[in-house]
Amino acid sequence: MAVPNSALRGEVINLYKQLLHLGKNYPLGFDYFRPRLHKAFMSNASMTDEEKIKEGIKRGEFVVKGVCPYMCRFEMMLIAYCV
């Protein structure tokens, strides 16, 4: 896998780590989430066009922004239910 820009490679790795961290609270479990996340990233591992990589990063950041508020609400509902 030859990534043309090491800065882009770092962004992709950070995005993967963010999504992996969010997956720890996934309702179906981390064991369900992790293989699917890995498969999604590996399906795009051969990308070399910088513009397409940047589009993928933007798409991933959109998912992080969309999932994080949901997960925070989910955790707050869970805490309220348990108390």
N, C-alpha and C. Protein backbone atom coordinates (compact mmCIF):
# COMPACT_ATOMS: atom_id res chain seq x y z
N MET A 1 0.85 -1.18 0.00
CA MET A 1 0.00 0.00 0.00
C MET A 1 0.89 1.23 0.00
N ALA A 2 0.85 1.97 -1.07
CA ALA A 2 1.65 3.18 -1.17
C ALA A 2 0.74 4.40 -1.07
N VAL A 3 0.78 5.07 0.05
CA VAL A 3 -0.01 6.28 0.23
C VAL A 3 0.87 7.44 -0.21
N PRO A 4 0.35 8.29 -1.10
CA PRO A 4 1.19 9.35 -1.64
C PRO A 4 1.62 10.40 -0.62
N ASN A 5 0.87 10.57 0.43
CA ASN A 5 1.18 11.63 1.37
C ASN A 5 1.11 11.07 2.79
N SER A 6 2.20 11.21 3.54
CA SER A 6 2.22 10.64 4.89
C SER A 6 1.26 11.37 5.83
N ALA A 7 0.96 12.64 5.54
CA ALA A 7 -0.01 13.38 6.36
C ALA A 7 -1.40 12.77 6.20
N LEU A 8 -1.73 12.39 4.96
CA LEU A 8 -3.02 11.75 4.71
C LEU A 8 -3.07 10.39 5.41
N ARG A 9 -1.97 9.68 5.39
CA ARG A 9 -1.92 8.38 6.05
C ARG A 9 -2.19 8.55 7.55
N GLY A 10 -1.60 9.56 8.14
CA GLY A 10 -1.84 9.84 9.56
C GLY A 10 -3.29 10.18 9.84
N GLU A 11 -3.90 10.96 8.94
CA GLU A 11 -5.32 11.31 9.12
C GLU A 11 -6.20 10.07 9.05
N VAL A 12 -5.88 9.17 8.13
CA VAL A 12 -6.67 7.94 7.99
C VAL A 12 -6.52 7.08 9.25
N ILE A 13 -5.31 6.97 9.76
CA ILE A 13 -5.09 6.18 10.97
C ILE A 13 -5.81 6.79 12.16
N ASN A 14 -5.76 8.11 12.29
CA ASN A 14 -6.48 8.77 13.39
C ASN A 14 -7.98 8.58 13.28
N LEU A 15 -8.50 8.64 12.06
CA LEU A 15 -9.93 8.42 11.84
C LEU A 15 -10.31 7.00 12.23
N TYR A 16 -9.48 6.04 11.84
CA TYR A 16 -9.73 4.64 12.20
C TYR A 16 -9.76 4.48 13.72
N LYS A 17 -8.82 5.11 14.40
CA LYS A 17 -8.76 5.02 15.86
C LYS A 17 -9.99 5.66 16.51
N GLN A 18 -10.43 6.80 15.97
CA GLN A 18 -11.62 7.46 16.50
C GLN A 18 -12.84 6.55 16.35
N LEU A 19 -13.01 5.99 15.16
CA LEU A 19 -14.16 5.11 14.92
C LEU A 19 -14.07 3.85 15.77
N LEU A 20 -12.86 3.33 15.94
CA LEU A 20 -12.68 2.15 16.77
C LEU A 20 -13.06 2.44 18.21
N HIS A 21 -12.68 3.62 18.68
CA HIS A 21 -13.04 4.02 20.05
C HIS A 21 -14.56 4.16 20.20
N LEU A 22 -15.21 4.77 19.20
CA LEU A 22 -16.66 4.90 19.25
C LEU A 22 -17.34 3.54 19.21
N GLY A 23 -16.71 2.60 18.53
CA GLY A 23 -17.28 1.26 18.41
C GLY A 23 -17.34 0.50 19.72
N LYS A 24 -16.59 0.93 20.71
CA LYS A 24 -16.63 0.26 22.01
C LYS A 24 -17.99 0.38 22.66
N ASN A 25 -18.75 1.42 22.30
CA ASN A 25 -20.08 1.64 22.85
C ASN A 25 -21.18 1.27 21.87
N TYR A 26 -20.84 0.59 20.79
CA TYR A 26 -21.82 0.24 19.77
C TYR A 26 -22.86 -0.72 20.36
N PRO A 27 -24.15 -0.47 20.11
CA PRO A 27 -25.19 -1.29 20.74
C PRO A 27 -25.08 -2.79 20.47
N LEU A 28 -24.60 -3.19 19.30
CA LEU A 28 -24.47 -4.62 19.01
C LEU A 28 -23.16 -5.21 19.50
N GLY A 29 -22.32 -4.39 20.07
CA GLY A 29 -21.08 -4.86 20.65
C GLY A 29 -19.86 -4.58 19.80
N PHE A 30 -18.73 -4.51 20.46
CA PHE A 30 -17.46 -4.22 19.81
C PHE A 30 -17.04 -5.36 18.88
N ASP A 31 -17.36 -6.59 19.28
CA ASP A 31 -17.00 -7.75 18.45
C ASP A 31 -17.76 -7.75 17.13
N TYR A 32 -18.90 -7.11 17.09
CA TYR A 32 -19.67 -6.96 15.84
C TYR A 32 -19.12 -5.81 15.02
N PHE A 33 -18.75 -4.72 15.70
CA PHE A 33 -18.35 -3.49 15.04
C PHE A 33 -16.96 -3.56 14.41
N ARG A 34 -15.99 -4.08 15.14
CA ARG A 34 -14.60 -4.03 14.70
C ARG A 34 -14.34 -4.71 13.36
N PRO A 35 -14.81 -5.95 13.12
CA PRO A 35 -14.53 -6.56 11.82
C PRO A 35 -15.13 -5.78 10.65
N ARG A 36 -16.27 -5.18 10.86
CA ARG A 36 -16.91 -4.41 9.80
C ARG A 36 -16.15 -3.12 9.51
N LEU A 37 -15.67 -2.49 10.57
CA LEU A 37 -14.85 -1.29 10.39
C LEU A 37 -13.56 -1.64 9.64
N HIS A 38 -12.92 -2.71 10.06
CA HIS A 38 -11.68 -3.14 9.42
C HIS A 38 -11.91 -3.45 7.94
N LYS A 39 -13.00 -4.14 7.65
CA LYS A 39 -13.32 -4.49 6.26
C LYS A 39 -13.55 -3.24 5.43
N ALA A 40 -14.25 -2.25 6.00
CA ALA A 40 -14.52 -1.01 5.28
C ALA A 40 -13.23 -0.27 4.95
N PHE A 41 -12.30 -0.22 5.90
CA PHE A 41 -11.03 0.47 5.65
C PHE A 41 -10.16 -0.32 4.68
N MET A 42 -10.14 -1.63 4.81
CA MET A 42 -9.30 -2.44 3.93
C MET A 42 -9.81 -2.44 2.49
N SER A 43 -11.11 -2.25 2.30
CA SER A 43 -11.64 -2.20 0.94
C SER A 43 -11.15 -0.95 0.20
N ASN A 44 -10.71 0.05 0.93
CA ASN A 44 -10.19 1.28 0.32
C ASN A 44 -8.68 1.42 0.49
N ALA A 45 -8.02 0.38 0.93
CA ALA A 45 -6.59 0.46 1.21
C ALA A 45 -5.74 0.69 -0.04
N SER A 46 -6.25 0.31 -1.19
CA SER A 46 -5.46 0.45 -2.42
C SER A 46 -5.63 1.81 -3.08
N MET A 47 -6.37 2.71 -2.48
CA MET A 47 -6.57 4.05 -3.04
C MET A 47 -5.25 4.81 -3.08
N THR A 48 -5.00 5.45 -4.20
CA THR A 48 -3.78 6.27 -4.31
C THR A 48 -4.09 7.71 -4.70
N ASP A 49 -5.28 7.98 -5.21
CA ASP A 49 -5.67 9.33 -5.59
C ASP A 49 -5.94 10.16 -4.33
N GLU A 50 -5.19 11.23 -4.17
CA GLU A 50 -5.29 12.05 -2.95
C GLU A 50 -6.69 12.64 -2.77
N GLU A 51 -7.32 13.04 -3.85
CA GLU A 51 -8.67 13.63 -3.74
C GLU A 51 -9.67 12.60 -3.23
N LYS A 52 -9.58 11.38 -3.71
CA LYS A 52 -10.49 10.33 -3.25
C LYS A 52 -10.23 9.98 -1.79
N ILE A 53 -8.98 10.00 -1.40
CA ILE A 53 -8.64 9.74 0.00
C ILE A 53 -9.22 10.83 0.89
N LYS A 54 -9.08 12.09 0.44
CA LYS A 54 -9.64 13.21 1.21
C LYS A 54 -11.16 13.11 1.31
N GLU A 55 -11.82 12.68 0.22
CA GLU A 55 -13.27 12.49 0.25
C GLU A 55 -13.65 11.40 1.26
N GLY A 56 -12.87 10.33 1.28
CA GLY A 56 -13.11 9.26 2.24
C GLY A 56 -12.92 9.72 3.68
N ILE A 57 -11.93 10.55 3.91
CA ILE A 57 -11.70 11.10 5.25
C ILE A 57 -12.87 11.98 5.66
N LYS A 58 -13.35 12.82 4.73
CA LYS A 58 -14.50 13.68 5.03
C LYS A 58 -15.73 12.84 5.36
N ARG A 59 -15.93 11.76 4.59
CA ARG A 59 -17.06 10.88 4.84
C ARG A 59 -16.95 10.23 6.22
N GLY A 60 -15.75 9.83 6.58
CA GLY A 60 -15.52 9.23 7.88
C GLY A 60 -15.71 10.22 9.02
N GLU A 61 -15.26 11.46 8.82
CA GLU A 61 -15.45 12.49 9.84
C GLU A 61 -16.93 12.82 10.02
N PHE A 62 -17.69 12.77 8.92
CA PHE A 62 -19.13 12.98 9.00
C PHE A 62 -19.77 11.89 9.86
N VAL A 63 -19.31 10.66 9.69
CA VAL A 63 -19.82 9.56 10.50
C VAL A 63 -19.49 9.78 11.97
N VAL A 64 -18.27 10.20 12.26
CA VAL A 64 -17.87 10.46 13.65
C VAL A 64 -18.76 11.54 14.25
N LYS A 65 -18.98 12.61 13.52
CA LYS A 65 -19.82 13.71 14.03
C LYS A 65 -21.26 13.25 14.23
N GLY A 66 -21.74 12.38 13.36
CA GLY A 66 -23.11 11.89 13.48
C GLY A 66 -23.27 10.86 14.57
N VAL A 67 -22.27 10.03 14.78
CA VAL A 67 -22.36 8.96 15.77
C VAL A 67 -22.12 9.49 17.17
N CYS A 68 -21.20 10.41 17.33
CA CYS A 68 -20.83 10.87 18.67
C CYS A 68 -22.01 11.46 19.43
N PRO A 69 -22.79 12.37 18.84
CA PRO A 69 -23.94 12.88 19.61
C PRO A 69 -24.94 11.77 19.93
N TYR A 70 -25.12 10.84 18.99
CA TYR A 70 -26.04 9.73 19.23
C TYR A 70 -25.55 8.89 20.40
N MET A 71 -24.26 8.59 20.40
CA MET A 71 -23.72 7.75 21.46
C MET A 71 -23.79 8.48 22.80
N CYS A 72 -23.56 9.78 22.80
CA CYS A 72 -23.66 10.53 24.05
C CYS A 72 -25.09 10.49 24.58
N ARG A 73 -26.07 10.67 23.69
CA ARG A 73 -27.47 10.59 24.11
C ARG A 73 -27.79 9.19 24.60
N PHE A 74 -27.30 8.18 23.89
CA PHE A 74 -27.54 6.80 24.27
C PHE A 74 -27.00 6.52 25.67
N GLU A 75 -25.77 6.97 25.91
CA GLU A 75 -25.16 6.76 27.22
C GLU A 75 -25.92 7.52 28.30
N MET A 76 -26.38 8.73 28.01
CA MET A 76 -27.13 9.51 28.99
C MET A 76 -28.47 8.82 29.31
N MET A 77 -29.13 8.29 28.28
CA MET A 77 -30.38 7.57 28.50
C MET A 77 -30.13 6.32 29.34
N LEU A 78 -29.04 5.64 29.07
CA LEU A 78 -28.70 4.43 29.80
C LEU A 78 -28.41 4.75 31.26
N ILE A 79 -27.68 5.82 31.50
CA ILE A 79 -27.37 6.22 32.88
C ILE A 79 -28.65 6.63 33.60
N ALA A 80 -29.52 7.38 32.92
CA ALA A 80 -30.78 7.81 33.55
C ALA A 80 -31.65 6.60 33.87
N TYR A 81 -31.63 5.60 33.02
CA TYR A 81 -32.44 4.41 33.22
C TYR A 81 -31.91 3.59 34.41
N CYS A 82 -30.59 3.53 34.54
CA CYS A 82 -29.98 2.71 35.59
C CYS A 82 -30.05 3.38 36.96
N VAL A 83 -30.18 4.69 37.02
CA VAL A 83 -30.19 5.40 38.30
C VAL A 83 -31.52 5.37 38.95
